Amino acid sequence: MEHSWKNVPKLGFGLMRLPMLGDKVDIEQFKTMADMFLEAGFTYFDTAYGYINGQSEAAFKEAVILRHPRESFTVATKLPAWAGAKTAEEAKQMFRTSLERTGAGYFDFYLLHNVSETRKKVFDEFGIWDFVREKKAEGLIRHAGFSFHDTADVLDKVLTEHPEADFVQLQINYADWEDNAVQSRLCWETARKHGKAVIVMEPVKGGTLANLPAEVQKIFRDGGTEPVDAALRFAASLDGVITVLSGMSDTEQMKQNLKFMKPFRPLDERERGLIDRALEALKARPGVPCTACRYCEKDCPMNISISQVFAARNTELVYGDPKGAKMAYQLALMQGGRPSDCVACGQCEGACPQKIGIIDELKKAVKDYES
């Protein structure tokens, strides 16, 4: 199947972080950004049923569908069966709603949204894999796959059970390449082992790799490379990658990314060396020494996602990104209990191989991100 998308340009426009005017999408700025993107020869737009409370799909229709020939671009969206659907019919209605909101006529790429070990069962129980296969046979979906946020062993299981998936969307960036929680490298290797092409999300780690600490930025700039340039092209240089999604929020970000990705140049050895030096500098910064083994979480009476809370803390401590840390903390709260509900039972500290003072670290997170 890879031959059918080999000519998709390496930069995709992620529509999760669109420019906003208050609580509404800034449609006029979005139109300008979409026009810039298409005029530069790029084509791939990535949205989802739930992005910006449904505004993303509707804004895409207004900015792109109604203003450009359908054959001039590629659109991807996603179905989150786990997000409020109580029945199979309600989950399937999400597809029809996305089709109506976007006005796309068909989806070039359609994804089951955030398939993980816990959320996978919803797609299975509601028969969504078969539903997507039916829509593909009807011509309403060109390529079907799923986005994924879990470990490589879970990905291997999903791909073994569902070899019909054409592609996988994975979180890949150089900071998470060897990360024990995200497992970028292991997940990419697993997808390639199964012969699946990859769409990359979070190549700049939610913007964190664009706003590195000054001493780390200096490594790149002294080497003649911008941090965002290195991050985008690290992901795009990998074998089997269809495109790399960047969630751009204004015209300046669009200009910057177009400059770095047209024409696309794979990373050379000198640039890879700069990334290695940057990673060493980041490792030297004081952070919470969590390896995401999750031993601390197994018997937590409040079901706190401790490793994700610490990953959020390190977004600020290691990468110097307090805004990104708060966003990551909110995502951690979606996965489990609130750290402010910790009962200080101490079982987590007894289980931690790194001997982290978990209770105190959770209190710091509460102070910084819940107050």
Protein backbone atom coordinates (compact mmCIF):
# COMPACT_ATOMS: atom_id res chain seq x y z
CA MET A 1 0.00 0.00 0.00
CA GLU A 2 2.87 2.44 0.56
CA HIS A 3 3.20 3.20 -3.16
CA SER A 4 -0.17 4.99 -3.11
CA TRP A 5 1.08 7.70 -0.76
CA LYS A 6 4.77 7.87 -1.57
CA ASN A 7 4.32 11.34 -3.09
CA VAL A 8 2.61 12.88 -0.03
CA PRO A 9 4.86 15.81 1.01
CA LYS A 10 6.69 15.33 4.30
CA LEU A 11 4.96 18.16 6.19
CA GLY A 12 1.35 17.81 7.33
CA PHE A 13 -0.84 20.54 8.85
CA GLY A 14 -2.22 19.41 12.21
CA LEU A 15 -5.48 21.17 13.05
CA MET A 16 -5.57 20.63 16.82
CA ARG A 17 -3.91 23.97 17.72
CA LEU A 18 -5.55 26.37 15.27
CA PRO A 19 -5.40 30.16 15.82
CA MET A 20 -8.21 31.29 18.11
CA LEU A 21 -10.19 34.47 18.73
CA GLY A 22 -11.51 33.91 22.23
CA ASP A 23 -13.14 30.49 22.19
CA LYS A 24 -13.68 30.45 18.41
CA VAL A 25 -11.32 29.52 15.59
CA ASP A 26 -9.80 32.53 13.85
CA ILE A 27 -11.12 31.53 10.44
CA GLU A 28 -9.47 34.34 8.46
CA GLN A 29 -6.02 33.55 9.82
CA PHE A 30 -6.67 29.85 9.27
CA LYS A 31 -7.59 30.58 5.64
CA THR A 32 -4.33 32.45 5.16
CA MET A 33 -2.34 29.60 6.71
CA ALA A 34 -4.13 26.96 4.62
CA ASP A 35 -3.48 28.96 1.44
CA MET A 36 0.23 29.32 2.31
CA PHE A 37 0.44 25.58 2.96
CA LEU A 38 -1.19 24.59 -0.32
CA GLU A 39 0.68 27.18 -2.39
CA ALA A 40 3.96 25.75 -1.08
CA GLY A 41 2.98 22.34 -2.50
CA PHE A 42 1.90 20.65 0.73
CA THR A 43 -1.39 18.78 0.89
CA TYR A 44 -2.03 16.80 4.11
CA PHE A 45 -4.51 18.20 6.66
CA ASP A 46 -5.10 16.31 9.92
CA THR A 47 -8.18 16.94 12.06
CA ALA A 48 -10.37 14.85 14.38
CA TYR A 49 -13.97 14.54 15.56
CA GLY A 50 -13.13 16.06 18.94
CA TYR A 51 -10.53 18.72 18.11
CA ILE A 52 -11.50 22.13 19.54
CA ASN A 53 -14.89 20.68 20.53
CA GLY A 54 -15.70 19.88 16.92
CA GLN A 55 -14.72 23.31 15.63
CA SER A 56 -11.64 21.97 13.85
CA GLU A 57 -13.61 19.90 11.32
CA ALA A 58 -16.10 22.71 10.66
CA ALA A 59 -13.31 25.27 10.30
CA PHE A 60 -11.54 22.98 7.85
CA LYS A 61 -14.64 22.97 5.68
CA GLU A 62 -14.82 26.76 5.65
CA ALA A 63 -11.11 27.38 5.13
CA VAL A 64 -10.26 24.58 2.71
CA ILE A 65 -13.15 22.46 1.40
CA LEU A 66 -15.23 25.41 0.22
CA ARG A 67 -12.24 27.27 -1.27
CA HIS A 68 -10.02 24.68 -2.95
CA PRO A 69 -10.56 21.80 -5.42
CA ARG A 70 -11.06 18.52 -3.54
CA GLU A 71 -8.31 16.78 -5.52
CA SER A 72 -5.75 19.41 -4.45
CA PHE A 73 -5.45 18.23 -0.84
CA THR A 74 -5.59 15.22 1.47
CA VAL A 75 -7.74 15.10 4.61
CA ALA A 76 -7.48 12.85 7.65
CA THR A 77 -9.82 12.70 10.63
CA LYS A 78 -10.38 10.38 13.59
CA LEU A 79 -13.13 8.51 15.42
CA PRO A 80 -12.91 8.45 19.25
CA ALA A 81 -15.36 5.64 20.09
CA TRP A 82 -14.38 5.92 23.76
CA ALA A 83 -15.40 9.60 24.01
CA GLY A 84 -18.99 9.50 25.19
CA ALA A 85 -20.45 6.89 22.84
CA LYS A 86 -22.70 4.56 24.82
CA THR A 87 -23.65 2.31 21.90
CA ALA A 88 -22.12 1.08 18.67
CA GLU A 89 -24.56 3.24 16.70
CA GLU A 90 -23.49 6.37 18.59
CA ALA A 91 -19.84 5.57 17.83
CA LYS A 92 -20.58 4.99 14.14
CA GLN A 93 -22.53 8.24 14.00
CA MET A 94 -19.23 10.02 14.71
CA PHE A 95 -18.07 9.03 11.22
CA ARG A 96 -21.20 10.43 9.61
CA THR A 97 -20.94 13.62 11.69
CA SER A 98 -17.33 14.10 10.59
CA LEU A 99 -18.32 13.60 6.97
CA GLU A 100 -21.06 16.22 7.33
CA ARG A 101 -18.94 18.72 9.28
CA THR A 102 -16.03 18.60 6.85
CA GLY A 103 -18.03 18.28 3.66
CA ALA A 104 -15.09 16.28 2.37
CA GLY A 105 -17.13 13.67 0.50
CA TYR A 106 -14.63 11.02 1.52
CA PHE A 107 -11.61 10.75 3.80
CA ASP A 108 -8.18 10.06 2.33
CA PHE A 109 -6.99 8.81 5.73
CA TYR A 110 -9.35 7.71 8.51
CA LEU A 111 -8.13 6.80 11.97
CA LEU A 112 -9.47 5.12 15.06
CA HIS A 113 -8.45 7.76 17.58
CA ASN A 114 -6.01 6.89 20.37
CA VAL A 115 -6.09 3.12 20.35
CA SER A 116 -4.48 1.92 23.59
CA GLU A 117 -4.66 -1.17 25.77
CA THR A 118 -7.59 0.25 27.75
CA ARG A 119 -9.41 1.99 24.89
CA LYS A 120 -8.95 -0.78 22.32
CA LYS A 121 -11.81 -2.83 23.80
CA VAL A 122 -14.35 -0.10 22.96
CA PHE A 123 -13.45 -0.25 19.26
CA ASP A 124 -13.64 -4.05 19.42
CA GLU A 125 -16.96 -4.23 21.29
CA PHE A 126 -18.63 -1.66 19.02
CA GLY A 127 -17.40 -3.39 15.83
CA ILE A 128 -15.65 -0.24 14.63
CA TRP A 129 -12.87 -2.09 12.82
CA ASP A 130 -15.47 -3.84 10.65
CA PHE A 131 -17.43 -0.60 10.24
CA VAL A 132 -14.36 1.19 8.91
CA ARG A 133 -13.67 -1.70 6.56
CA GLU A 134 -17.22 -1.35 5.20
CA LYS A 135 -16.82 2.38 4.63
CA LYS A 136 -13.54 1.74 2.89
CA ALA A 137 -15.27 -0.73 0.55
CA GLU A 138 -17.91 1.94 -0.14
CA GLY A 139 -15.20 4.40 -1.19
CA LEU A 140 -15.79 6.77 1.73
CA ILE A 141 -12.36 5.97 3.17
CA ARG A 142 -9.22 5.61 1.05
CA HIS A 143 -6.77 4.49 3.74
CA ALA A 144 -7.64 3.29 7.27
CA GLY A 145 -5.42 3.17 10.32
CA PHE A 146 -5.22 4.35 13.92
CA SER A 147 -3.40 6.77 16.19
CA PHE A 148 -1.61 5.25 19.14
CA HIS A 149 -0.38 6.31 22.59
CA ASP A 150 0.87 3.23 24.41
CA THR A 151 3.81 0.84 24.60
CA ALA A 152 5.36 -1.13 21.77
CA ASP A 153 4.14 -4.48 23.06
CA VAL A 154 0.54 -3.22 22.96
CA LEU A 155 1.11 -1.92 19.42
CA ASP A 156 2.45 -5.31 18.38
CA LYS A 157 -0.70 -6.95 19.77
CA VAL A 158 -3.05 -4.52 17.97
CA LEU A 159 -1.28 -4.91 14.63
CA THR A 160 -1.25 -8.68 15.00
CA GLU A 161 -5.01 -8.68 15.64
CA HIS A 162 -5.73 -6.09 12.94
CA PRO A 163 -3.37 -6.55 9.99
CA GLU A 164 -5.92 -4.70 7.84
CA ALA A 165 -4.66 -1.35 9.21
CA ASP A 166 -2.87 0.48 6.42
CA PHE A 167 -0.83 2.79 8.64
CA VAL A 168 -0.21 3.91 12.23
CA GLN A 169 0.07 7.43 13.62
CA LEU A 170 2.75 7.58 16.31
CA GLN A 171 4.28 10.17 18.65
CA ILE A 172 7.86 10.42 17.42
CA ASN A 173 10.50 12.99 18.25
CA TYR A 174 14.15 12.85 19.21
CA ALA A 175 13.42 13.60 22.89
CA ASP A 176 11.02 10.64 23.15
CA TRP A 177 13.06 8.33 20.90
CA GLU A 178 14.45 6.34 23.84
CA ASP A 179 11.88 7.45 26.43
CA ASN A 180 10.59 4.54 28.51
CA ALA A 181 7.03 5.88 28.58
CA VAL A 182 6.51 7.03 24.99
CA GLN A 183 8.83 4.45 23.35
CA SER A 184 9.06 6.31 20.04
CA ARG A 185 11.80 4.12 18.61
CA LEU A 186 10.29 0.84 19.76
CA CYS A 187 6.85 1.77 18.41
CA TRP A 188 8.30 2.87 15.06
CA GLU A 189 10.27 -0.38 14.81
CA THR A 190 7.14 -2.37 15.65
CA ALA A 191 5.10 -0.64 12.96
CA ARG A 192 7.82 -1.23 10.37
CA LYS A 193 8.14 -4.88 11.44
CA HIS A 194 4.47 -5.28 10.54
CA GLY A 195 5.05 -3.51 7.23
CA LYS A 196 3.00 -0.47 8.21
CA ALA A 197 3.72 3.06 7.09
CA VAL A 198 3.85 5.74 9.78
CA ILE A 199 2.38 9.20 10.19
CA VAL A 200 4.26 11.19 12.81
CA MET A 201 2.55 13.33 15.45
CA GLU A 202 4.23 15.56 18.05
CA PRO A 203 7.57 15.87 16.19
CA VAL A 204 8.28 19.02 18.22
CA LYS A 205 6.84 17.48 21.43
CA GLY A 206 3.91 19.89 21.67
CA GLY A 207 6.20 22.86 20.97
CA THR A 208 8.68 21.95 23.70
CA LEU A 209 11.52 21.30 21.23
CA ALA A 210 10.92 24.69 19.64
CA ASN A 211 11.44 26.51 22.96
CA LEU A 212 14.42 24.72 24.45
CA PRO A 213 16.53 26.11 27.30
CA ALA A 214 18.99 28.75 26.06
CA GLU A 215 22.06 26.54 26.40
CA VAL A 216 20.45 23.81 24.31
CA GLN A 217 19.24 26.23 21.64
CA LYS A 218 22.81 27.50 21.41
CA ILE A 219 24.05 24.02 20.47
CA PHE A 220 21.83 23.99 17.41
CA ARG A 221 22.38 27.58 16.38
CA ASP A 222 26.15 27.40 16.77
CA GLY A 223 25.91 24.39 14.48
CA GLY A 224 23.99 26.35 11.86
CA THR A 225 20.62 24.65 12.49
CA GLU A 226 17.39 25.87 14.06
CA PRO A 227 15.85 23.66 16.80
CA VAL A 228 12.51 23.26 14.97
CA ASP A 229 14.31 22.39 11.73
CA ALA A 230 16.24 19.59 13.46
CA ALA A 231 13.12 18.25 15.19
CA LEU A 232 10.92 18.13 12.09
CA ARG A 233 13.56 16.59 9.86
CA PHE A 234 14.59 14.02 12.50
CA ALA A 235 11.10 12.53 12.29
CA ALA A 236 10.68 13.00 8.54
CA SER A 237 14.00 11.27 7.82
CA LEU A 238 12.82 7.94 9.22
CA ASP A 239 12.06 5.04 6.92
CA GLY A 240 8.39 4.48 6.13
CA VAL A 241 7.16 7.90 7.22
CA ILE A 242 4.29 9.25 5.10
CA THR A 243 4.27 12.74 6.58
CA VAL A 244 5.08 14.63 9.77
CA LEU A 245 2.27 16.61 11.41
CA SER A 246 2.91 20.02 12.86
CA GLY A 247 0.15 21.71 14.85
CA MET A 248 0.65 25.28 13.66
CA SER A 249 -1.16 28.10 15.47
CA ASP A 250 -0.31 31.23 13.47
CA THR A 251 1.12 32.42 10.17
CA GLU A 252 4.62 32.85 11.60
CA GLN A 253 4.79 29.18 12.59
CA MET A 254 3.55 28.27 9.13
CA LYS A 255 6.25 30.40 7.45
CA GLN A 256 8.92 28.83 9.64
CA ASN A 257 7.87 25.25 8.98
CA LEU A 258 7.51 25.79 5.24
CA LYS A 259 11.03 27.23 5.16
CA PHE A 260 12.45 24.18 6.91
CA MET A 261 10.53 21.54 4.98
CA LYS A 262 10.62 22.84 1.39
CA PRO A 263 12.54 21.28 -0.07
CA PHE A 264 12.80 18.40 2.38
CA ARG A 265 16.36 17.34 3.20
CA PRO A 266 17.07 14.27 5.35
CA LEU A 267 19.26 14.91 8.38
CA ASP A 268 22.97 14.58 7.74
CA GLU A 269 25.54 13.22 10.20
CA ARG A 270 26.54 16.67 11.42
CA GLU A 271 22.93 17.49 12.31
CA ARG A 272 22.45 14.14 14.01
CA GLY A 273 25.51 14.99 16.08
CA LEU A 274 23.87 18.26 17.17
CA ILE A 275 20.80 16.34 18.33
CA ASP A 276 23.01 13.95 20.33
CA ARG A 277 24.73 16.91 22.00
CA ALA A 278 21.37 18.55 22.73
CA LEU A 279 20.09 15.36 24.35
CA GLU A 280 23.18 15.16 26.55
CA ALA A 281 22.64 18.77 27.64
CA LEU A 282 19.00 18.05 28.44
CA LYS A 283 19.94 14.97 30.47
CA ALA A 284 22.27 17.13 32.55
CA ARG A 285 19.41 19.39 33.64
CA PRO A 286 17.83 18.51 37.01
CA GLY A 287 14.54 16.69 36.65
CA VAL A 288 12.52 13.96 38.32
CA PRO A 289 14.55 10.77 37.61
CA CYS A 290 11.48 8.70 36.67
CA THR A 291 12.00 5.83 34.20
CA ALA A 292 8.25 5.20 33.74
CA CYS A 293 8.47 1.63 35.05
CA ARG A 294 5.09 2.33 36.70
CA TYR A 295 5.77 0.07 39.68
CA CYS A 296 4.56 2.97 41.83
CA GLU A 297 1.16 2.97 40.14
CA LYS A 298 0.20 -0.68 40.51
CA ASP A 299 -1.27 -0.40 44.00
CA CYS A 300 -1.99 3.32 44.20
CA PRO A 301 -5.36 3.55 46.00
CA MET A 302 -6.17 6.81 44.19
CA ASN A 303 -5.16 5.52 40.74
CA ILE A 304 -2.81 8.45 40.12
CA SER A 305 -0.83 8.34 36.84
CA ILE A 306 2.39 9.15 38.67
CA SER A 307 4.75 8.60 35.73
CA GLN A 308 2.72 10.97 33.54
CA VAL A 309 2.66 13.58 36.29
CA PHE A 310 6.44 13.36 36.46
CA ALA A 311 6.71 13.59 32.68
CA ALA A 312 4.71 16.82 32.93
CA ARG A 313 7.05 18.10 35.68
CA ASN A 314 10.06 17.32 33.50
CA THR A 315 8.57 19.28 30.62
CA GLU A 316 9.26 22.31 32.79
CA LEU A 317 12.30 21.17 34.78
CA VAL A 318 14.25 19.67 31.87
CA TYR A 319 12.87 21.46 28.82
CA GLY A 320 12.06 24.81 30.42
CA ASP A 321 8.46 24.80 29.16
CA PRO A 322 6.00 25.64 31.99
CA LYS A 323 3.09 26.13 29.60
CA GLY A 324 3.68 22.72 28.05
CA ALA A 325 4.01 21.25 31.54
CA LYS A 326 0.56 22.48 32.51
CA MET A 327 -0.92 21.01 29.33
CA ALA A 328 0.81 17.68 29.97
CA TYR A 329 -0.44 17.73 33.56
CA GLN A 330 -4.02 18.12 32.38
CA LEU A 331 -3.55 15.12 30.10
CA ALA A 332 -2.20 13.14 33.06
CA LEU A 333 -5.35 13.95 35.01
CA MET A 334 -7.41 12.43 32.20
CA GLN A 335 -5.59 9.12 32.69
CA GLY A 336 -6.16 8.72 36.43
CA GLY A 337 -6.77 10.31 39.80
CA ARG A 338 -5.68 13.78 40.85
CA PRO A 339 -2.36 14.11 42.70
CA SER A 340 -4.15 16.46 45.11
CA ASP A 341 -6.11 13.39 46.28
CA CYS A 342 -2.94 11.52 47.30
CA VAL A 343 -3.41 9.97 50.75
CA ALA A 344 0.37 9.67 51.36
CA CYS A 345 0.13 5.94 52.02
CA GLY A 346 3.74 5.54 50.88
CA GLN A 347 3.34 2.30 48.90
CA CYS A 348 4.59 4.10 45.78
CA GLU A 349 7.85 5.14 47.39
CA GLY A 350 8.45 1.62 48.63
CA ALA A 351 8.02 0.28 45.09
CA CYS A 352 10.15 2.90 43.29
CA PRO A 353 13.52 1.51 42.05
CA GLN A 354 14.81 5.09 41.69
CA LYS A 355 14.00 5.93 45.33
CA ILE A 356 12.13 9.09 44.29
CA GLY A 357 10.38 11.07 47.03
CA ILE A 358 7.11 10.60 45.16
CA ILE A 359 4.79 12.11 47.76
CA ASP A 360 6.77 15.38 47.90
CA GLU A 361 7.05 15.51 44.10
CA LEU A 362 3.30 15.11 43.76
CA LYS A 363 2.78 17.96 46.23
CA LYS A 364 5.05 20.17 44.09
CA ALA A 365 3.04 19.28 40.99
CA VAL A 366 -0.20 20.15 42.75
CA LYS A 367 1.23 23.50 43.87
CA ASP A 368 2.53 24.39 40.40
CA TYR A 369 -0.25 23.07 38.18
CA GLU A 370 -3.48 22.86 40.18
CA SER A 371 -3.41 26.17 42.04
